[in-house]
Amino acid sequence: MATERSRRSASASTSASASDDLHVTLPSRYTSLMITTLIVSAVLAAVPSVDDLNAVARLPGEPSVVSAVGMTRDDRPILTLENSSAFDAESTKRRVVVYAGASSDAASAAVLEAVRWFKTQAPRELRDQWSVSALPAVAFADGDEKSFVRWCTFQAPDVAIEFVDEDARPIGFGADAHPWVVGPLQRNESFERILRGAKPGRSNVHETVRSRVSRDPLTIAKMLAAKYPGAPSISYIPSVAWTGTLRLGSITGDASWRAKVDRETSPWRSGDKPLFGDRIQLTAIAGTIVFADLAAAGDARARALADQGAALAMKEKAPGVTEYGGGWTDDMFMVTSVLARAGARGDSQALETAVRLLTAYASRLQRPDGLFNHAVDGPAAWGRGNGFAAFGLMEALTVMPASHPGRAALLDVFRRHMAAVKQHVAPDGMWREVIDEPASYREETATAMLMTAMARGIRLGWLDASYRGTVDRAWRGLAAHVADDGTVIDVCTSTGSGPTKRYYMDRQAITGADDRGGAMALAAAVEMYELATMPRASRRRAASS
């Protein structure tokens, strides 16, 4: 038997958590998230294993994907059962999350039992009306205050049900200050009664997510271009934002976007500020890509600055290692983005150097499975590190002539990479902080960058149409992580090479105004718009290539 008790006091203490994680306030016309607790009698039960979760996942219906939401300090994944519709704005189903707050064996088993009941015995109308996600054991390490709320929030629930032992205090999800409370019932009957008794309509959390993913790419691009970069400087991050803004201006025909870039780069184009300080950094060299794009539109002063950047990008400290880089995948983008643009201006030597460097880096860092380790001494498939590799390959392939003798080899590297990352998408369409570690958090820049490269590959015929679904799902996941004020959610902080996978998994995830996350999302929004609007004939050519 199970009883049920109010958890108003428990939820009130954490009532801002999910709203803060979504970073948005919605009008009061939307329904509060219903949060309730089922108390499980202390009975002998084993904590569900991955085999137990897989057995339930294989039952007909949803949820059907075993994933993870974090990792314990002894490196055990915190497993989840998920469906793939969290960011589906077209779905009419309401959403419920069930989890075991106290992480006892009995509570965890009860969660899995509830999901099994839903998939096999629940009335058909309930299964038609609801999507379920489950977290059988909330076993996060001390100090990890974000992973649980992050996962629950982005499951977009209308109802959250927590299973606990009789003597345990609920941990609380904290999405609203005033959850509903229902009376004592048997466990599965209680589950059914909760769903039938839920207020009509979507919760604040669900409506927020749905609203974000419903926005079109151009709307998001304009919002981000207006906001970023917040701190103009000569570095790759502001330049990615500026180049995205220039593309936006070209797409829309709105000269104000070009004027914004002109205004923000004028201290360097006028000579009032030097391009480089006493110590030249590769991030600053990559920052000169904006001048290459301005030069392409006829700006002679920008051309001279772009040439300075290209001259530095050509230098190597050893064969196949750029002079100012660390030998990481970061170099693949930061050097190639500059040299590819120089090649487009007619500098054949710059293009040859880009191809040679990319080939050398891929030989050292691309694994047999197609993913990239961040560095030779950084043995993990870091999310943004794979984004850097994808961006570098994308930049070179975009300008390389079809007849170039090195094109086939680079195209093979790119295709193996895209095929690999396609196999490691989270259930909601996002890519993770460590690409092939389901327990690592779902990260904004990795999703933006890999989606951008994959979309470019489809648009220019390097990838076939089978990748389109992956791009569409990644775009919705990214859009869910961009608030209406242009702030972004879960952006990995600046990261150097680290010795272990855990090093990357523990990197801070930033939420708020962030130039890096905003720039990458802007690039993705512009690329997604161009993919969505490409002529039908081009789509057919891409599908058959």
Foldseek 3Di string as FASTA:
>chain_A
DKWWDDQLVLLQVQQCQLVVQLPDDDDPPAAAAAETEIAFEDDDAAQDDPVLLCVLLPQPDPQNDKFAQAAAPVGDGQIKRAAQCLLPLPQQAAEEEEEAQVQDRRQLVLQSVLSSCLRPPDDPVNSNRYHYMYGSGDRYYPPPPRRVLNVVLSSQHSYYYYYYHPPDRGNYSNNHSDHDYDTTDPRNVVVVCCSVPRDDGGHPSSVLLSVLLPDALLLLLVLLLVCPDPDDAQFLLRQLSLVLLVLSCVVVVDCVSVVVSCVSCVCDLVPVDDQADPDDALRNLLSLLNLLVVVVVPDPSSVVSLVVSLVQLLDAPDQLHRPRDDLFLLNLQSSLSSLLSVVLVPPVSSLVSSLRNLVSSCVQFQDPQLAGAGHNQQGFRFLVSSLSNLNSLLSSQVRDDPPDPSNVVSLVSNVSNLVNLLVQAPSQLFAFRGRNHSNAHGAQLSLLSSLLSLLSCLLQQSAAPVCVVSSSSSLSVNSSQAGPNRWGHFHFDDDDGDNDPVVSSPTDGDTTDDSNSSSSSSSSSSSVVCSVPPDPVSNVSSNVD
